[in-house]
Amino acid sequence: MKIEVLGMGCPKCRMLYANAQRAVRESGVDAEIIKVEDIAEITGYGVMMTPALVIDGKIKASGRIPTPDEIKAWIS
């Protein structure tokens, strides 16, 4: 599973990355978590607001910080 956190490194982006790490750790799934900070790559997803969360190529959240529990539901 590939989880991408899209954002330029702002505090909200770092919080989303931490939430994704926690969700993966608590759920025990095998996932790679990647920070995507390149603006061209972010806009390539059609994302207009960061932070955003992409799981296996599908945008799950944009412009907000999903909780670890929300993320766990998406990756289970």
PDB file of N, CA and C in Angstrom:
ATOM      1  N   MET A   1       0.852  -1.167   0.000  1.00  0.00           N
ATOM      2  CA  MET A   1       0.000   0.000   0.000  1.00  0.00           C
ATOM      3  C   MET A   1       0.900   1.233   0.000  1.00  0.00           C
ATOM      4  N   LYS A   2       0.494   2.219  -0.750  1.00  0.00           N
ATOM      5  CA  LYS A   2       1.255   3.467  -0.848  1.00  0.00           C
ATOM      6  C   LYS A   2       0.380   4.614  -0.342  1.00  0.00           C
ATOM      7  N   ILE A   3       0.873   5.297   0.686  1.00  0.00           N
ATOM      8  CA  ILE A   3       0.177   6.445   1.257  1.00  0.00           C
ATOM      9  C   ILE A   3       1.025   7.671   0.992  1.00  0.00           C
ATOM     10  N   GLU A   4       0.409   8.685   0.385  1.00  0.00           N
ATOM     11  CA  GLU A   4       1.129   9.924   0.090  1.00  0.00           C
ATOM     12  C   GLU A   4       0.487  11.080   0.846  1.00  0.00           C
ATOM     13  N   VAL A   5       1.324  11.870   1.494  1.00  0.00           N
ATOM     14  CA  VAL A   5       0.887  13.082   2.171  1.00  0.00           C
ATOM     15  C   VAL A   5       1.347  14.242   1.300  1.00  0.00           C
ATOM     16  N   LEU A   6       0.381  14.967   0.741  1.00  0.00           N
ATOM     17  CA  LEU A   6       0.690  16.068  -0.153  1.00  0.00           C
ATOM     18  C   LEU A   6       0.672  17.377   0.614  1.00  0.00           C
ATOM     19  N   GLY A   7       1.768  18.118   0.536  1.00  0.00           N
ATOM     20  CA  GLY A   7       1.842  19.408   1.217  1.00  0.00           C
ATOM     21  C   GLY A   7       3.257  19.937   1.203  1.00  0.00           C
ATOM     22  N   MET A   8       3.375  21.209   1.453  1.00  0.00           N
ATOM     23  CA  MET A   8       4.664  21.888   1.346  1.00  0.00           C
ATOM     24  C   MET A   8       5.468  21.859   2.639  1.00  0.00           C
ATOM     25  N   GLY A   9       5.021  21.142   3.646  1.00  0.00           N
ATOM     26  CA  GLY A   9       5.780  21.035   4.887  1.00  0.00           C
ATOM     27  C   GLY A   9       5.282  21.936   6.001  1.00  0.00           C
ATOM     28  N   CYS A  10       4.071  22.452   5.858  1.00  0.00           N
ATOM     29  CA  CYS A  10       3.486  23.315   6.889  1.00  0.00           C
ATOM     30  C   CYS A  10       3.139  22.473   8.130  1.00  0.00           C
ATOM     31  N   PRO A  11       2.814  23.108   9.247  1.00  0.00           N
ATOM     32  CA  PRO A  11       2.453  22.344  10.450  1.00  0.00           C
ATOM     33  C   PRO A  11       1.293  21.369  10.226  1.00  0.00           C
ATOM     34  N   LYS A  12       0.290  21.761   9.440  1.00  0.00           N
ATOM     35  CA  LYS A  12      -0.843  20.863   9.166  1.00  0.00           C
ATOM     36  C   LYS A  12      -0.382  19.646   8.370  1.00  0.00           C
ATOM     37  N   CYS A  13       0.535  19.853   7.439  1.00  0.00           N
ATOM     38  CA  CYS A  13       1.062  18.748   6.644  1.00  0.00           C
ATOM     39  C   CYS A  13       1.846  17.779   7.528  1.00  0.00           C
ATOM     40  N   ARG A  14       2.624  18.320   8.444  1.00  0.00           N
ATOM     41  CA  ARG A  14       3.384  17.470   9.363  1.00  0.00           C
ATOM     42  C   ARG A  14       2.451  16.688  10.288  1.00  0.00           C
ATOM     43  N   MET A  15       1.351  17.319  10.697  1.00  0.00           N
ATOM     44  CA  MET A  15       0.364  16.640  11.549  1.00  0.00           C
ATOM     45  C   MET A  15      -0.300  15.490  10.791  1.00  0.00           C
ATOM     46  N   LEU A  16      -0.642  15.715   9.539  1.00  0.00           N
ATOM     47  CA  LEU A  16      -1.242  14.659   8.727  1.00  0.00           C
ATOM     48  C   LEU A  16      -0.266  13.500   8.548  1.00  0.00           C
ATOM     49  N   TYR A  17       1.006  13.812   8.325  1.00  0.00           N
ATOM     50  CA  TYR A  17       2.025  12.762   8.184  1.00  0.00           C
ATOM     51  C   TYR A  17       2.105  11.938   9.470  1.00  0.00           C
ATOM     52  N   ALA A  18       2.113  12.616  10.616  1.00  0.00           N
ATOM     53  CA  ALA A  18       2.158  11.922  11.908  1.00  0.00           C
ATOM     54  C   ALA A  18       0.909  11.059  12.108  1.00  0.00           C
ATOM     55  N   ASN A  19      -0.254  11.569  11.728  1.00  0.00           N
ATOM     56  CA  ASN A  19      -1.491  10.788  11.846  1.00  0.00           C
ATOM     57  C   ASN A  19      -1.453   9.550  10.955  1.00  0.00           C
ATOM     58  N   ALA A  20      -0.908   9.695   9.756  1.00  0.00           N
ATOM     59  CA  ALA A  20      -0.792   8.547   8.847  1.00  0.00           C
ATOM     60  C   ALA A  20       0.153   7.503   9.432  1.00  0.00           C
ATOM     61  N   GLN A  21       1.277   7.955   9.980  1.00  0.00           N
ATOM     62  CA  GLN A  21       2.218   7.015  10.600  1.00  0.00           C
ATOM     63  C   GLN A  21       1.549   6.264  11.751  1.00  0.00           C
ATOM     64  N   ARG A  22       0.828   6.995  12.573  1.00  0.00           N
ATOM     65  CA  ARG A  22       0.147   6.371  13.715  1.00  0.00           C
ATOM     66  C   ARG A  22      -0.885   5.361  13.243  1.00  0.00           C
ATOM     67  N   ALA A  23      -1.667   5.715  12.238  1.00  0.00           N
ATOM     68  CA  ALA A  23      -2.701   4.814  11.723  1.00  0.00           C
ATOM     69  C   ALA A  23      -2.083   3.524  11.190  1.00  0.00           C
ATOM     70  N   VAL A  24      -0.986   3.652  10.463  1.00  0.00           N
ATOM     71  CA  VAL A  24      -0.318   2.466   9.911  1.00  0.00           C
ATOM     72  C   VAL A  24       0.238   1.610  11.046  1.00  0.00           C
ATOM     73  N   ARG A  25       0.878   2.258  12.004  1.00  0.00           N
ATOM     74  CA  ARG A  25       1.464   1.522  13.130  1.00  0.00           C
ATOM     75  C   ARG A  25       0.387   0.785  13.923  1.00  0.00           C
ATOM     76  N   GLU A  26      -0.724   1.462  14.206  1.00  0.00           N
ATOM     77  CA  GLU A  26      -1.782   0.859  15.022  1.00  0.00           C
ATOM     78  C   GLU A  26      -2.571  -0.216  14.281  1.00  0.00           C
ATOM     79  N   SER A  27      -2.686  -0.086  12.970  1.00  0.00           N
ATOM     80  CA  SER A  27      -3.468  -1.074  12.214  1.00  0.00           C
ATOM     81  C   SER A  27      -2.624  -2.269  11.787  1.00  0.00           C
ATOM     82  N   GLY A  28      -1.309  -2.092  11.780  1.00  0.00           N
ATOM     83  CA  GLY A  28      -0.421  -3.198  11.426  1.00  0.00           C
ATOM     84  C   GLY A  28      -0.362  -3.517   9.947  1.00  0.00           C
ATOM     85  N   VAL A  29      -0.866  -2.639   9.101  1.00  0.00           N
ATOM     86  CA  VAL A  29      -0.797  -2.895   7.659  1.00  0.00           C
ATOM     87  C   VAL A  29       0.607  -2.579   7.142  1.00  0.00           C
ATOM     88  N   ASP A  30       0.941  -3.189   6.030  1.00  0.00           N
ATOM     89  CA  ASP A  30       2.224  -2.936   5.383  1.00  0.00           C
ATOM     90  C   ASP A  30       2.022  -1.782   4.407  1.00  0.00           C
ATOM     91  N   ALA A  31       2.550  -0.618   4.744  1.00  0.00           N
ATOM     92  CA  ALA A  31       2.339   0.558   3.908  1.00  0.00           C
ATOM     93  C   ALA A  31       3.608   1.402   3.859  1.00  0.00           C
ATOM     94  N   GLU A  32       3.796   2.033   2.726  1.00  0.00           N
ATOM     95  CA  GLU A  32       4.874   2.991   2.529  1.00  0.00           C
ATOM     96  C   GLU A  32       4.251   4.380   2.598  1.00  0.00           C
ATOM     97  N   ILE A  33       4.791   5.239   3.466  1.00  0.00           N
ATOM     98  CA  ILE A  33       4.268   6.598   3.611  1.00  0.00           C
ATOM     99  C   ILE A  33       5.288   7.558   3.008  1.00  0.00           C
ATOM    100  N   ILE A  34       4.823   8.368   2.076  1.00  0.00           N
ATOM    101  CA  ILE A  34       5.707   9.277   1.341  1.00  0.00           C
ATOM    102  C   ILE A  34       5.208  10.712   1.496  1.00  0.00           C
ATOM    103  N   LYS A  35       6.138  11.624   1.729  1.00  0.00           N
ATOM    104  CA  LYS A  35       5.809  13.054   1.713  1.00  0.00           C
ATOM    105  C   LYS A  35       6.001  13.555   0.288  1.00  0.00           C
ATOM    106  N   VAL A  36       5.009  14.237  -0.241  1.00  0.00           N
ATOM    107  CA  VAL A  36       5.109  14.830  -1.570  1.00  0.00           C
ATOM    108  C   VAL A  36       5.051  16.342  -1.388  1.00  0.00           C
ATOM    109  N   GLU A  37       6.182  17.003  -1.635  1.00  0.00           N
ATOM    110  CA  GLU A  37       6.264  18.443  -1.427  1.00  0.00           C
ATOM    111  C   GLU A  37       6.437  19.227  -2.721  1.00  0.00           C
ATOM    112  N   ASP A  38       6.573  18.524  -3.839  1.00  0.00           N
ATOM    113  CA  ASP A  38       6.739  19.182  -5.138  1.00  0.00           C
ATOM    114  C   ASP A  38       5.384  19.694  -5.622  1.00  0.00           C
ATOM    115  N   ILE A  39       5.301  21.000  -5.840  1.00  0.00           N
ATOM    116  CA  ILE A  39       4.021  21.633  -6.198  1.00  0.00           C
ATOM    117  C   ILE A  39       3.457  21.080  -7.511  1.00  0.00           C
ATOM    118  N   ALA A  40       4.321  20.773  -8.458  1.00  0.00           N
ATOM    119  CA  ALA A  40       3.853  20.225  -9.737  1.00  0.00           C
ATOM    120  C   ALA A  40       3.224  18.850  -9.535  1.00  0.00           C
ATOM    121  N   GLU A  41       3.819  18.054  -8.677  1.00  0.00           N
ATOM    122  CA  GLU A  41       3.285  16.723  -8.402  1.00  0.00           C
ATOM    123  C   GLU A  41       1.956  16.826  -7.643  1.00  0.00           C
ATOM    124  N   ILE A  42       1.881  17.779  -6.710  1.00  0.00           N
ATOM    125  CA  ILE A  42       0.644  17.977  -5.938  1.00  0.00           C
ATOM    126  C   ILE A  42      -0.491  18.411  -6.866  1.00  0.00           C
ATOM    127  N   THR A  43      -0.232  19.390  -7.717  1.00  0.00           N
ATOM    128  CA  THR A  43      -1.285  19.855  -8.629  1.00  0.00           C
ATOM    129  C   THR A  43      -1.624  18.792  -9.675  1.00  0.00           C
ATOM    130  N   GLY A  44      -0.695  17.897  -9.936  1.00  0.00           N
ATOM    131  CA  GLY A  44      -0.966  16.793 -10.851  1.00  0.00           C
ATOM    132  C   GLY A  44      -2.087  15.890 -10.360  1.00  0.00           C
ATOM    133  N   TYR A  45      -2.290  15.870  -9.069  1.00  0.00           N
ATOM    134  CA  TYR A  45      -3.397  15.105  -8.491  1.00  0.00           C
ATOM    135  C   TYR A  45      -4.711  15.882  -8.556  1.00  0.00           C
ATOM    136  N   GLY A  46      -4.638  17.160  -8.926  1.00  0.00           N
ATOM    137  CA  GLY A  46      -5.839  17.985  -8.961  1.00  0.00           C
ATOM    138  C   GLY A  46      -6.180  18.568  -7.601  1.00  0.00           C
ATOM    139  N   VAL A  47      -5.252  18.471  -6.672  1.00  0.00           N
ATOM    140  CA  VAL A  47      -5.470  18.981  -5.320  1.00  0.00           C
ATOM    141  C   VAL A  47      -5.257  20.485  -5.312  1.00  0.00           C
ATOM    142  N   MET A  48      -6.245  21.208  -4.782  1.00  0.00           N
ATOM    143  CA  MET A  48      -6.154  22.665  -4.712  1.00  0.00           C
ATOM    144  C   MET A  48      -5.851  23.148  -3.297  1.00  0.00           C
ATOM    145  N   MET A  49      -6.120  22.314  -2.303  1.00  0.00           N
ATOM    146  CA  MET A  49      -5.850  22.679  -0.915  1.00  0.00           C
ATOM    147  C   MET A  49      -5.062  21.574  -0.234  1.00  0.00           C
ATOM    148  N   THR A  50      -4.020  21.975   0.476  1.00  0.00           N
ATOM    149  CA  THR A  50      -3.242  21.017   1.247  1.00  0.00           C
ATOM    150  C   THR A  50      -3.510  21.252   2.725  1.00  0.00           C
ATOM    151  N   PRO A  51      -3.254  20.275   3.569  1.00  0.00           N
ATOM    152  CA  PRO A  51      -2.692  18.983   3.225  1.00  0.00           C
ATOM    153  C   PRO A  51      -3.723  18.093   2.548  1.00  0.00           C
ATOM    154  N   ALA A  52      -3.208  17.090   1.864  1.00  0.00           N
ATOM    155  CA  ALA A  52      -4.077  16.104   1.224  1.00  0.00           C
ATOM    156  C   ALA A  52      -3.501  14.722   1.474  1.00  0.00           C
ATOM    157  N   LEU A  53      -4.365  13.732   1.473  1.00  0.00           N
ATOM    158  CA  LEU A  53      -3.959  12.355   1.692  1.00  0.00           C
ATOM    159  C   LEU A  53      -4.391  11.522   0.501  1.00  0.00           C
ATOM    160  N   VAL A  54      -3.433  10.789  -0.058  1.00  0.00           N
ATOM    161  CA  VAL A  54      -3.698   9.918  -1.204  1.00  0.00           C
ATOM    162  C   VAL A  54      -3.318   8.503  -0.805  1.00  0.00           C
ATOM    163  N   ILE A  55      -4.233   7.572  -1.008  1.00  0.00           N
ATOM    164  CA  ILE A  55      -3.974   6.168  -0.703  1.00  0.00           C
ATOM    165  C   ILE A  55      -4.130   5.370  -1.990  1.00  0.00           C
ATOM    166  N   ASP A  56      -3.035   4.737  -2.390  1.00  0.00           N
ATOM    167  CA  ASP A  56      -3.010   3.947  -3.628  1.00  0.00           C
ATOM    168  C   ASP A  56      -3.578   4.726  -4.814  1.00  0.00           C
ATOM    169  N   GLY A  57      -3.176   5.993  -4.920  1.00  0.00           N
ATOM    170  CA  GLY A  57      -3.547   6.814  -6.066  1.00  0.00           C
ATOM    171  C   GLY A  57      -4.896   7.500  -5.973  1.00  0.00           C
ATOM    172  N   LYS A  58      -5.639   7.276  -4.875  1.00  0.00           N
ATOM    173  CA  LYS A  58      -6.966   7.883  -4.725  1.00  0.00           C
ATOM    174  C   LYS A  58      -6.933   8.935  -3.622  1.00  0.00           C
ATOM    175  N   ILE A  59      -7.417  10.128  -3.932  1.00  0.00           N
ATOM    176  CA  ILE A  59      -7.469  11.202  -2.942  1.00  0.00           C
ATOM    177  C   ILE A  59      -8.548  10.872  -1.914  1.00  0.00           C
ATOM    178  N   LYS A  60      -8.145  10.819  -0.657  1.00  0.00           N
ATOM    179  CA  LYS A  60      -9.081  10.518   0.426  1.00  0.00           C
ATOM    180  C   LYS A  60      -9.472  11.759   1.210  1.00  0.00           C
ATOM    181  N   ALA A  61      -8.592  12.750   1.264  1.00  0.00           N
ATOM    182  CA  ALA A  61      -8.891  13.988   1.993  1.00  0.00           C
ATOM    183  C   ALA A  61      -8.059  15.111   1.410  1.00  0.00           C
ATOM    184  N   SER A  62      -8.626  16.309   1.416  1.00  0.00           N
ATOM    185  CA  SER A  62      -7.911  17.486   0.918  1.00  0.00           C
ATOM    186  C   SER A  62      -8.357  18.706   1.715  1.00  0.00           C
ATOM    187  N   GLY A  63      -7.388  19.501   2.154  1.00  0.00           N
ATOM    188  CA  GLY A  63      -7.701  20.719   2.880  1.00  0.00           C
ATOM    189  C   GLY A  63      -8.054  20.519   4.342  1.00  0.00           C
ATOM    190  N   ARG A  64      -7.836  19.326   4.850  1.00  0.00           N
ATOM    191  CA  ARG A  64      -8.123  19.042   6.259  1.00  0.00           C
ATOM    192  C   ARG A  64      -7.195  17.929   6.750  1.00  0.00           C
ATOM    193  N   ILE A  65      -7.203  17.712   8.052  1.00  0.00           N
ATOM    194  CA  ILE A  65      -6.353  16.686   8.655  1.00  0.00           C
ATOM    195  C   ILE A  65      -7.235  15.546   9.164  1.00  0.00           C
ATOM    196  N   PRO A  66      -7.282  14.435   8.444  1.00  0.00           N
ATOM    197  CA  PRO A  66      -8.054  13.291   8.933  1.00  0.00           C
ATOM    198  C   PRO A  66      -7.420  12.731  10.211  1.00  0.00           C
ATOM    199  N   THR A  67      -8.247  12.214  11.076  1.00  0.00           N
ATOM    200  CA  THR A  67      -7.757  11.615  12.318  1.00  0.00           C
ATOM    201  C   THR A  67      -7.105  10.263  12.013  1.00  0.00           C
ATOM    202  N   PRO A  68      -6.276   9.772  12.934  1.00  0.00           N
ATOM    203  CA  PRO A  68      -5.729   8.428  12.742  1.00  0.00           C
ATOM    204  C   PRO A  68      -6.822   7.375  12.567  1.00  0.00           C
ATOM    205  N   ASP A  69      -7.943   7.526  13.293  1.00  0.00           N
ATOM    206  CA  ASP A  69      -9.037   6.550  13.161  1.00  0.00           C
ATOM    207  C   ASP A  69      -9.660   6.579  11.768  1.00  0.00           C
ATOM    208  N   GLU A  70      -9.820   7.771  11.188  1.00  0.00           N
ATOM    209  CA  GLU A  70     -10.335   7.868   9.817  1.00  0.00           C
ATOM    210  C   GLU A  70      -9.380   7.166   8.849  1.00  0.00           C
ATOM    211  N   ILE A  71      -8.109   7.418   9.024  1.00  0.00           N
ATOM    212  CA  ILE A  71      -7.112   6.836   8.130  1.00  0.00           C
ATOM    213  C   ILE A  71      -7.101   5.329   8.274  1.00  0.00           C
ATOM    214  N   LYS A  72      -7.208   4.835   9.516  1.00  0.00           N
ATOM    215  CA  LYS A  72      -7.254   3.380   9.738  1.00  0.00           C
ATOM    216  C   LYS A  72      -8.428   2.752   9.018  1.00  0.00           C
ATOM    217  N   ALA A  73      -9.573   3.423   8.997  1.00  0.00           N
ATOM    218  CA  ALA A  73     -10.752   2.893   8.303  1.00  0.00           C
ATOM    219  C   ALA A  73     -10.484   2.794   6.802  1.00  0.00           C
ATOM    220  N   TRP A  74      -9.755   3.753   6.252  1.00  0.00           N
ATOM    221  CA  TRP A  74      -9.452   3.736   4.819  1.00  0.00           C
ATOM    222  C   TRP A  74      -8.435   2.672   4.442  1.00  0.00           C
ATOM    223  N   ILE A  75      -7.522   2.337   5.351  1.00  0.00           N
ATOM    224  CA  ILE A  75      -6.454   1.408   4.985  1.00  0.00           C
ATOM    225  C   ILE A  75      -6.744  -0.024   5.409  1.00  0.00           C
ATOM    226  N   SER A  76      -7.812  -0.220   6.157  1.00  0.00           N
ATOM    227  CA  SER A  76      -8.150  -1.585   6.607  1.00  0.00           C
ATOM    228  C   SER A  76      -8.811  -2.383   5.518  1.00  0.00           C
TER     229      SER A  76
END
